[in-house]
N, C-alpha and C. Protein backbone atom coordinates (compact mmCIF):
# COMPACT_ATOMS: atom_id res chain seq x y z
N MET A 1 -13.40 -154.00 -150.98
CA MET A 1 -14.83 -154.17 -151.45
C MET A 1 -15.43 -155.36 -151.49
N GLY A 2 -14.47 -156.31 -151.97
CA GLY A 2 -14.83 -157.79 -152.16
C GLY A 2 -14.98 -158.21 -150.47
N ASP A 3 -14.68 -157.59 -149.42
CA ASP A 3 -14.87 -157.99 -148.04
C ASP A 3 -16.19 -158.11 -147.65
N HIS A 4 -17.08 -157.29 -148.28
CA HIS A 4 -18.27 -156.94 -148.12
C HIS A 4 -19.46 -157.69 -148.88
N PHE A 5 -19.03 -158.54 -149.72
CA PHE A 5 -20.00 -159.09 -150.61
C PHE A 5 -19.42 -160.69 -150.66
N LYS A 6 -20.21 -161.22 -150.25
CA LYS A 6 -20.09 -162.84 -150.21
C LYS A 6 -21.23 -163.56 -150.73
N THR A 7 -21.29 -164.68 -151.61
CA THR A 7 -22.46 -165.13 -152.09
C THR A 7 -22.02 -166.72 -151.81
N ASP A 8 -23.25 -167.23 -151.21
CA ASP A 8 -23.11 -168.90 -150.75
C ASP A 8 -23.99 -169.34 -151.86
N ILE A 9 -23.36 -169.96 -152.88
CA ILE A 9 -23.89 -170.72 -153.81
C ILE A 9 -24.80 -171.78 -153.62
N ASP A 10 -24.42 -172.37 -152.38
CA ASP A 10 -25.21 -173.70 -151.90
C ASP A 10 -27.01 -172.99 -151.44
N GLN A 11 -26.87 -171.70 -150.78
CA GLN A 11 -27.51 -171.07 -150.29
C GLN A 11 -28.67 -170.66 -151.50
N LEU A 12 -28.03 -170.16 -152.55
CA LEU A 12 -28.84 -169.67 -153.78
C LEU A 12 -29.67 -170.82 -154.46
N ALA A 13 -28.93 -171.84 -154.39
CA ALA A 13 -29.30 -173.01 -155.02
C ALA A 13 -30.96 -173.87 -154.11
N ALA A 14 -30.49 -173.51 -152.70
CA ALA A 14 -31.57 -173.77 -151.65
C ALA A 14 -32.75 -172.84 -151.59
N PHE A 15 -32.59 -171.74 -152.03
CA PHE A 15 -33.52 -170.65 -152.00
C PHE A 15 -34.53 -170.99 -153.56
N ASN A 16 -33.69 -171.09 -154.41
CA ASN A 16 -34.34 -171.73 -155.55
C ASN A 16 -35.32 -172.91 -155.57
N LYS A 17 -34.95 -174.08 -154.92
CA LYS A 17 -35.54 -175.12 -154.55
C LYS A 17 -36.83 -174.85 -153.40
N ASP A 18 -36.85 -173.70 -152.46
CA ASP A 18 -37.70 -173.44 -151.55
C ASP A 18 -38.84 -172.84 -152.40
N LEU A 19 -38.29 -171.52 -153.39
CA LEU A 19 -39.42 -171.12 -154.31
C LEU A 19 -40.35 -172.06 -154.93
N THR A 20 -39.75 -173.02 -155.61
CA THR A 20 -40.37 -174.26 -156.37
C THR A 20 -41.42 -174.47 -155.57
N GLU A 21 -41.03 -175.31 -154.74
CA GLU A 21 -41.70 -175.94 -153.65
C GLU A 21 -43.11 -175.08 -153.03
N ALA A 22 -42.88 -173.78 -152.58
CA ALA A 22 -43.88 -172.73 -152.24
C ALA A 22 -44.95 -172.94 -153.56
N HIS A 23 -44.54 -172.85 -154.49
CA HIS A 23 -45.53 -172.71 -155.72
C HIS A 23 -46.18 -173.87 -155.86
N ASP A 24 -45.64 -174.88 -155.62
CA ASP A 24 -45.99 -176.49 -155.85
C ASP A 24 -47.10 -176.74 -154.80
N SER A 25 -46.85 -176.34 -153.43
CA SER A 25 -47.58 -176.35 -152.32
C SER A 25 -49.08 -175.46 -152.73
N LEU A 26 -48.98 -174.25 -153.19
CA LEU A 26 -49.94 -173.62 -153.45
C LEU A 26 -50.71 -174.05 -154.60
N GLU A 27 -50.32 -174.58 -155.50
CA GLU A 27 -50.88 -175.07 -156.59
C GLU A 27 -51.61 -176.39 -156.34
N GLN A 28 -50.89 -177.27 -155.19
CA GLN A 28 -51.80 -178.29 -154.85
C GLN A 28 -52.79 -178.18 -154.03
N VAL A 29 -52.89 -176.93 -153.23
CA VAL A 29 -54.20 -176.61 -152.53
C VAL A 29 -55.03 -176.29 -153.11
N ARG A 30 -54.76 -175.56 -154.41
CA ARG A 30 -55.83 -175.03 -155.31
C ARG A 30 -56.56 -176.19 -155.86
N GLN A 31 -55.72 -177.05 -156.56
CA GLN A 31 -56.40 -178.23 -157.34
C GLN A 31 -57.09 -179.09 -156.35
N ALA A 32 -56.87 -179.47 -155.21
CA ALA A 32 -57.55 -180.02 -154.19
C ALA A 32 -58.91 -179.75 -153.95
N LEU A 33 -58.99 -178.34 -153.43
CA LEU A 33 -59.99 -177.35 -153.44
C LEU A 33 -61.18 -177.22 -154.83
N GLN A 34 -60.29 -177.17 -156.00
CA GLN A 34 -61.13 -177.18 -157.42
C GLN A 34 -62.25 -178.23 -157.33
N HIS A 35 -61.87 -179.14 -156.53
CA HIS A 35 -63.20 -180.37 -156.85
C HIS A 35 -64.30 -180.14 -156.12
N VAL A 36 -64.26 -178.97 -154.76
CA VAL A 36 -65.32 -178.78 -154.24
C VAL A 36 -66.20 -177.89 -155.07
N ARG A 37 -67.09 -178.21 -155.57
CA ARG A 37 -68.24 -177.04 -156.64
C ARG A 37 -69.10 -176.28 -155.36
N SER A 38 -69.08 -175.21 -156.07
CA SER A 38 -70.12 -174.35 -155.39
C SER A 38 -71.42 -174.93 -155.10
N ASP A 39 -72.05 -175.81 -156.11
CA ASP A 39 -73.23 -176.01 -155.73
C ASP A 39 -73.39 -176.99 -154.57
N GLN A 40 -72.09 -177.51 -153.85
CA GLN A 40 -72.10 -178.22 -152.91
C GLN A 40 -71.61 -177.60 -151.59
N VAL A 41 -71.79 -176.21 -151.55
CA VAL A 41 -71.37 -175.83 -150.17
C VAL A 41 -72.91 -175.37 -149.48
N GLY A 42 -73.39 -174.49 -150.08
CA GLY A 42 -74.45 -174.02 -149.29
C GLY A 42 -75.68 -173.17 -150.27
N THR A 43 -75.97 -171.86 -149.53
CA THR A 43 -76.78 -170.86 -150.46
C THR A 43 -76.02 -170.48 -151.61
N ALA A 44 -76.81 -169.68 -152.56
CA ALA A 44 -76.38 -169.17 -153.82
C ALA A 44 -75.24 -168.24 -153.75
N GLU A 45 -75.75 -167.27 -152.70
CA GLU A 45 -74.46 -166.38 -152.29
C GLU A 45 -73.34 -166.84 -151.98
N LEU A 46 -73.29 -167.94 -151.41
CA LEU A 46 -72.03 -168.60 -150.76
C LEU A 46 -71.42 -169.16 -151.84
N ASP A 47 -72.22 -169.72 -152.60
CA ASP A 47 -71.92 -170.80 -153.69
C ASP A 47 -71.00 -169.54 -154.80
N GLU A 48 -71.79 -168.50 -155.27
CA GLU A 48 -71.01 -167.42 -156.05
C GLU A 48 -69.74 -166.88 -155.27
N ALA A 49 -69.91 -166.91 -153.89
CA ALA A 49 -68.36 -166.27 -153.43
C ALA A 49 -67.31 -167.39 -153.62
N CYS A 50 -67.95 -168.59 -153.41
CA CYS A 50 -66.72 -169.70 -153.75
C CYS A 50 -66.33 -169.57 -155.23
N ASP A 51 -67.09 -169.53 -156.10
CA ASP A 51 -66.75 -169.80 -157.35
C ASP A 51 -65.75 -168.22 -157.54
N ASP A 52 -66.14 -167.29 -157.17
CA ASP A 52 -65.35 -166.14 -157.51
C ASP A 52 -63.80 -166.22 -156.77
N PHE A 53 -63.93 -166.64 -155.32
CA PHE A 53 -62.74 -166.91 -154.94
C PHE A 53 -61.72 -168.13 -155.50
N GLN A 54 -62.35 -168.87 -155.97
CA GLN A 54 -61.52 -170.00 -156.87
C GLN A 54 -60.88 -169.60 -158.14
N GLU A 55 -61.75 -168.51 -158.80
CA GLU A 55 -61.19 -167.89 -160.01
C GLU A 55 -60.09 -167.00 -159.66
N ARG A 56 -60.26 -166.11 -158.46
CA ARG A 56 -59.30 -165.15 -158.23
C ARG A 56 -57.90 -165.85 -157.65
N TRP A 57 -58.17 -166.99 -156.91
CA TRP A 57 -57.22 -167.91 -156.37
C TRP A 57 -56.35 -168.55 -157.56
N LYS A 58 -57.02 -168.62 -158.87
CA LYS A 58 -56.19 -169.78 -159.81
C LYS A 58 -55.49 -168.44 -160.54
N TYR A 59 -56.12 -167.28 -160.75
CA TYR A 59 -55.37 -166.18 -161.28
C TYR A 59 -54.05 -165.68 -160.76
N GLY A 60 -54.44 -165.52 -159.49
CA GLY A 60 -53.26 -165.34 -158.09
C GLY A 60 -52.10 -166.06 -158.47
N ASN A 61 -52.72 -167.56 -158.43
CA ASN A 61 -51.53 -168.40 -158.37
C ASN A 61 -50.68 -168.62 -159.58
N GLU A 62 -51.44 -168.31 -160.82
CA GLU A 62 -50.61 -168.28 -162.10
C GLU A 62 -49.58 -167.10 -161.99
N GLN A 63 -50.21 -165.84 -161.58
CA GLN A 63 -49.09 -164.72 -161.49
C GLN A 63 -48.25 -165.06 -160.75
N ILE A 64 -48.24 -165.80 -159.25
CA ILE A 64 -47.09 -166.36 -158.49
C ILE A 64 -46.39 -167.21 -159.18
N LYS A 65 -46.73 -168.16 -160.05
CA LYS A 65 -45.82 -169.25 -160.82
C LYS A 65 -45.11 -168.41 -161.70
N GLU A 66 -45.75 -167.49 -162.46
CA GLU A 66 -44.79 -166.57 -163.57
C GLU A 66 -43.76 -165.95 -162.78
N ARG A 67 -44.23 -164.95 -161.73
CA ARG A 67 -43.11 -164.34 -161.13
C ARG A 67 -41.84 -165.32 -160.30
N ILE A 68 -42.44 -166.33 -159.71
CA ILE A 68 -41.43 -167.49 -159.22
C ILE A 68 -40.64 -168.00 -160.15
N GLY A 69 -41.07 -168.12 -161.77
CA GLY A 69 -40.49 -168.51 -162.69
C GLY A 69 -39.51 -167.86 -162.98
N LYS A 70 -39.60 -166.51 -163.02
CA LYS A 70 -38.75 -165.56 -163.53
C LYS A 70 -37.59 -165.41 -162.39
N VAL A 71 -37.84 -165.35 -161.10
CA VAL A 71 -36.93 -165.19 -160.25
C VAL A 71 -36.10 -166.70 -160.35
N THR A 72 -36.63 -167.88 -160.33
CA THR A 72 -35.96 -168.82 -160.28
C THR A 72 -34.77 -168.98 -161.32
N GLU A 73 -35.36 -168.64 -162.59
CA GLU A 73 -34.69 -168.51 -163.82
C GLU A 73 -33.40 -167.63 -163.56
N GLY A 74 -33.56 -166.52 -162.80
CA GLY A 74 -32.38 -165.40 -162.61
C GLY A 74 -31.56 -166.04 -161.60
N LEU A 75 -32.14 -166.80 -160.27
CA LEU A 75 -31.28 -167.54 -159.41
C LEU A 75 -30.44 -168.45 -160.10
N GLN A 76 -30.82 -169.30 -161.02
CA GLN A 76 -30.07 -170.58 -161.66
C GLN A 76 -29.14 -169.79 -162.21
N GLN A 77 -29.42 -168.84 -163.25
CA GLN A 77 -28.25 -168.21 -163.87
C GLN A 77 -27.45 -167.50 -163.10
N ASN A 78 -27.79 -166.85 -161.90
CA ASN A 78 -26.49 -166.30 -161.10
C ASN A 78 -25.74 -167.42 -160.65
N THR A 79 -26.40 -168.71 -160.00
CA THR A 79 -26.02 -169.75 -159.17
C THR A 79 -24.77 -170.13 -160.57
N ASP A 80 -25.35 -170.27 -161.68
CA ASP A 80 -24.42 -171.23 -162.63
C ASP A 80 -23.24 -170.08 -163.01
N ASN A 81 -23.35 -168.95 -163.00
CA ASN A 81 -22.26 -168.00 -163.17
C ASN A 81 -21.17 -167.94 -162.05
N TYR A 82 -21.91 -168.02 -160.70
CA TYR A 82 -20.90 -168.10 -159.71
C TYR A 82 -19.87 -169.24 -159.52
N ARG A 83 -20.77 -170.50 -159.95
CA ARG A 83 -19.71 -171.87 -159.97
C ARG A 83 -18.70 -171.70 -161.26
N GLU A 84 -19.15 -170.99 -162.41
CA GLU A 84 -18.43 -170.80 -163.34
C GLU A 84 -16.76 -170.14 -162.93
N ILE A 85 -17.30 -169.00 -162.24
CA ILE A 85 -16.11 -168.17 -161.62
C ILE A 85 -15.10 -168.64 -160.96
N GLU A 86 -16.07 -169.30 -159.98
CA GLU A 86 -15.10 -170.34 -158.82
C GLU A 86 -14.43 -171.10 -159.68
N THR A 87 -15.01 -172.05 -160.59
CA THR A 87 -14.17 -173.11 -161.54
C THR A 87 -13.11 -172.58 -162.01
N SER A 88 -13.14 -171.09 -162.68
CA SER A 88 -12.35 -170.54 -163.58
C SER A 88 -11.15 -170.20 -162.60
N LEU A 89 -11.38 -169.62 -161.40
CA LEU A 89 -10.35 -169.12 -160.50
C LEU A 89 -9.61 -170.16 -159.77
N GLU A 90 -10.22 -171.17 -159.36
CA GLU A 90 -9.51 -172.39 -158.92
C GLU A 90 -8.51 -172.91 -160.05
N GLU A 91 -9.01 -172.99 -161.26
CA GLU A 91 -8.13 -173.66 -162.47
C GLU A 91 -6.86 -172.38 -162.55
N SER A 92 -7.25 -171.17 -162.69
CA SER A 92 -6.17 -170.21 -162.82
C SER A 92 -5.10 -170.22 -161.58
N PHE A 93 -5.59 -170.69 -160.46
CA PHE A 93 -4.70 -170.69 -159.41
C PHE A 93 -3.80 -171.79 -159.26
N LYS A 94 -4.24 -172.97 -159.93
CA LYS A 94 -3.87 -174.19 -159.99
C LYS A 94 -2.49 -174.00 -161.08
N ARG A 95 -3.04 -173.45 -162.29
CA ARG A 95 -2.15 -173.19 -163.24
C ARG A 95 -0.84 -172.22 -162.93
N ALA A 96 -1.10 -171.18 -161.95
CA ALA A 96 -0.06 -170.22 -161.60
C ALA A 96 0.80 -171.10 -160.61
N ALA A 97 0.33 -171.89 -159.64
CA ALA A 97 0.97 -172.66 -158.67
C ALA A 97 2.00 -173.50 -159.50
N ALA A 98 1.56 -174.40 -160.60
CA ALA A 98 2.15 -175.19 -161.34
C ALA A 98 3.21 -174.35 -162.15
N ALA A 99 3.07 -172.94 -162.65
CA ALA A 99 4.04 -172.60 -163.23
C ALA A 99 5.14 -172.04 -162.50
N GLY A 100 4.76 -171.82 -160.82
CA GLY A 100 5.98 -171.07 -160.14
C GLY A 100 6.53 -172.09 -159.57
N LYS A 101 6.37 -173.33 -159.92
CA LYS A 101 7.44 -174.71 -159.35
C LYS A 101 8.65 -174.56 -160.23
């Protein structure tokens, strides 16, 4: 069974970093566009559509941030657990090797 399951701890850490950077990029774009006010765009209908979009984007970004937070939290916990297991196994093998001498 162990032959089919492998975990690359560095990949987990990189994925965690990528998720965080993706959220940060979305937030930066949203904040940059937040300074463009609807009354600067054009018609009243277009202004209203821009305001509505900004609100939906803000809400969606908050939802993404929340979900990314939960995923990164879980990934970090898994990464820490795998590192702890690897360290424990390494120490066990060293003790067994020392005891066998």
